[in-house]
Amino acid sequence: MSQNEEELLFDSLRLELRRGSLILAVLASLRREQYGYSLRVALGEAGVEMEESTLYPLLRRLEGQGLLDSEWREEDRRKKRFYRLSAKGEAMLTRLAAEWRGLSRSLETML
């Protein structure tokens, strides 16, 4: 396997590894209401970088699944869509966080 092929494989596997983590990070961050850009900044500050092309479709999907509520409001003379966890989202976050912690403990012993 060439160096280039190895890098492509690593990038692909890294993306798969991050995908589920991003959902958990977004849900955890939306315990406090935020609009898209402020959420992206908060995630970045926490070390979870996410492109807009990933974040906004994810927000729409989570809202469609009933895990988020949103509303349009005007702030600083601009309309912004604010997101927050729904009651269903709170319950799902609790369950997913417990699953994550258990899996993380198991992986730590293996690594």
Protein backbone atom coordinates (compact mmCIF):
# COMPACT_ATOMS: atom_id res chain seq x y z
CA MET A 1 0.00 0.00 0.00
CA SER A 2 1.44 3.35 -1.01
CA GLN A 3 1.74 6.27 1.38
CA ASN A 4 -1.04 8.08 -0.50
CA GLU A 5 -3.38 5.06 -0.31
CA GLU A 6 -2.65 4.69 3.38
CA GLU A 7 -3.50 8.35 3.99
CA LEU A 8 -6.75 8.01 2.05
CA LEU A 9 -7.68 4.94 4.07
CA PHE A 10 -6.84 6.71 7.34
CA ASP A 11 -8.96 9.72 6.36
CA SER A 12 -11.91 7.47 5.48
CA LEU A 13 -11.70 5.51 8.75
CA ARG A 14 -11.23 8.69 10.78
CA LEU A 15 -14.38 10.13 9.21
CA GLU A 16 -16.36 7.01 10.16
CA LEU A 17 -15.02 7.18 13.70
CA ARG A 18 -16.00 10.86 14.04
CA ARG A 19 -19.49 10.55 12.55
CA GLY A 20 -21.21 9.10 15.62
CA SER A 21 -19.21 11.34 17.94
CA LEU A 22 -20.46 14.44 16.13
CA ILE A 23 -24.08 13.52 16.85
CA LEU A 24 -23.32 13.17 20.54
CA ALA A 25 -21.39 16.46 20.58
CA VAL A 26 -24.24 18.35 18.89
CA LEU A 27 -26.88 16.93 21.23
CA ALA A 28 -24.76 17.71 24.30
CA SER A 29 -24.10 21.26 23.07
CA LEU A 30 -27.78 21.91 22.50
CA ARG A 31 -28.74 21.46 26.13
CA ARG A 32 -28.36 25.23 25.89
CA GLU A 33 -30.20 26.95 23.03
CA GLN A 34 -27.99 28.11 20.17
CA TYR A 35 -28.22 29.07 16.53
CA GLY A 36 -26.19 27.29 13.87
CA TYR A 37 -23.14 29.54 13.74
CA SER A 38 -22.83 29.87 17.54
CA LEU A 39 -23.12 26.09 17.81
CA ARG A 40 -20.36 25.60 15.24
CA VAL A 41 -18.11 28.04 17.13
CA ALA A 42 -18.83 26.36 20.49
CA LEU A 43 -18.06 22.94 19.03
CA GLY A 44 -14.81 24.26 17.54
CA GLU A 45 -13.78 25.78 20.86
CA ALA A 46 -14.36 22.37 22.46
CA GLY A 47 -12.10 20.78 19.85
CA VAL A 48 -14.87 19.36 17.67
CA GLU A 49 -14.43 20.97 14.27
CA MET A 50 -17.39 20.63 11.92
CA GLU A 51 -18.00 22.05 8.47
CA GLU A 52 -21.27 23.87 7.80
CA SER A 53 -22.00 21.31 5.09
CA THR A 54 -22.02 18.66 7.83
CA LEU A 55 -23.65 20.64 10.65
CA TYR A 56 -26.79 22.01 9.00
CA PRO A 57 -27.96 18.73 7.43
CA LEU A 58 -27.30 17.05 10.78
CA LEU A 59 -29.41 19.65 12.60
CA ARG A 60 -32.27 19.15 10.13
CA ARG A 61 -32.06 15.37 10.49
CA LEU A 62 -32.05 15.50 14.30
CA GLU A 63 -35.00 17.88 14.24
CA GLY A 64 -36.85 15.56 11.85
CA GLN A 65 -36.23 12.71 14.30
CA GLY A 66 -37.87 14.77 17.04
CA LEU A 67 -34.65 15.24 19.02
CA LEU A 68 -34.44 19.01 18.51
CA ASP A 69 -36.87 21.88 18.53
CA SER A 70 -36.16 25.06 16.60
CA GLU A 71 -37.62 28.48 15.98
CA TRP A 72 -36.77 31.47 13.83
CA ARG A 73 -36.06 34.69 15.70
CA GLU A 74 -34.59 38.03 14.84
CA GLU A 75 -31.33 38.90 16.54
CA ASP A 76 -28.99 41.74 15.58
CA ARG A 77 -31.44 42.62 12.77
CA ARG A 78 -31.02 39.17 11.22
CA LYS A 79 -33.28 36.16 11.30
CA LYS A 80 -31.61 33.18 12.95
CA ARG A 81 -32.85 29.68 13.59
CA PHE A 82 -32.33 28.70 17.21
CA TYR A 83 -32.07 25.03 18.18
CA ARG A 84 -32.45 23.26 21.51
CA LEU A 85 -32.95 19.72 22.70
CA SER A 86 -36.53 18.54 22.83
CA ALA A 87 -37.70 16.36 25.74
CA LYS A 88 -37.15 13.36 23.47
CA GLY A 89 -33.66 14.70 22.69
CA GLU A 90 -32.83 15.03 26.40
CA ALA A 91 -33.82 11.42 26.99
CA MET A 92 -31.87 10.23 23.95
CA LEU A 93 -28.79 12.21 24.99
CA THR A 94 -28.88 10.53 28.42
CA ARG A 95 -29.07 7.08 26.83
CA LEU A 96 -26.40 7.78 24.19
CA ALA A 97 -24.04 9.32 26.76
CA ALA A 98 -24.32 6.19 28.93
CA GLU A 99 -23.61 4.03 25.88
CA TRP A 100 -20.64 6.23 24.93
CA ARG A 101 -19.16 6.06 28.43
CA GLY A 102 -19.44 2.27 28.52
CA LEU A 103 -17.92 1.88 25.07
CA SER A 104 -15.17 4.37 25.89
CA ARG A 105 -14.24 2.45 29.07
CA SER A 106 -14.11 -0.81 27.12
CA LEU A 107 -11.98 0.68 24.35
CA GLU A 108 -9.59 2.27 26.85
CA THR A 109 -8.86 -1.13 28.39
CA MET A 110 -8.24 -2.56 24.92
CA LEU A 111 -6.03 0.29 23.70
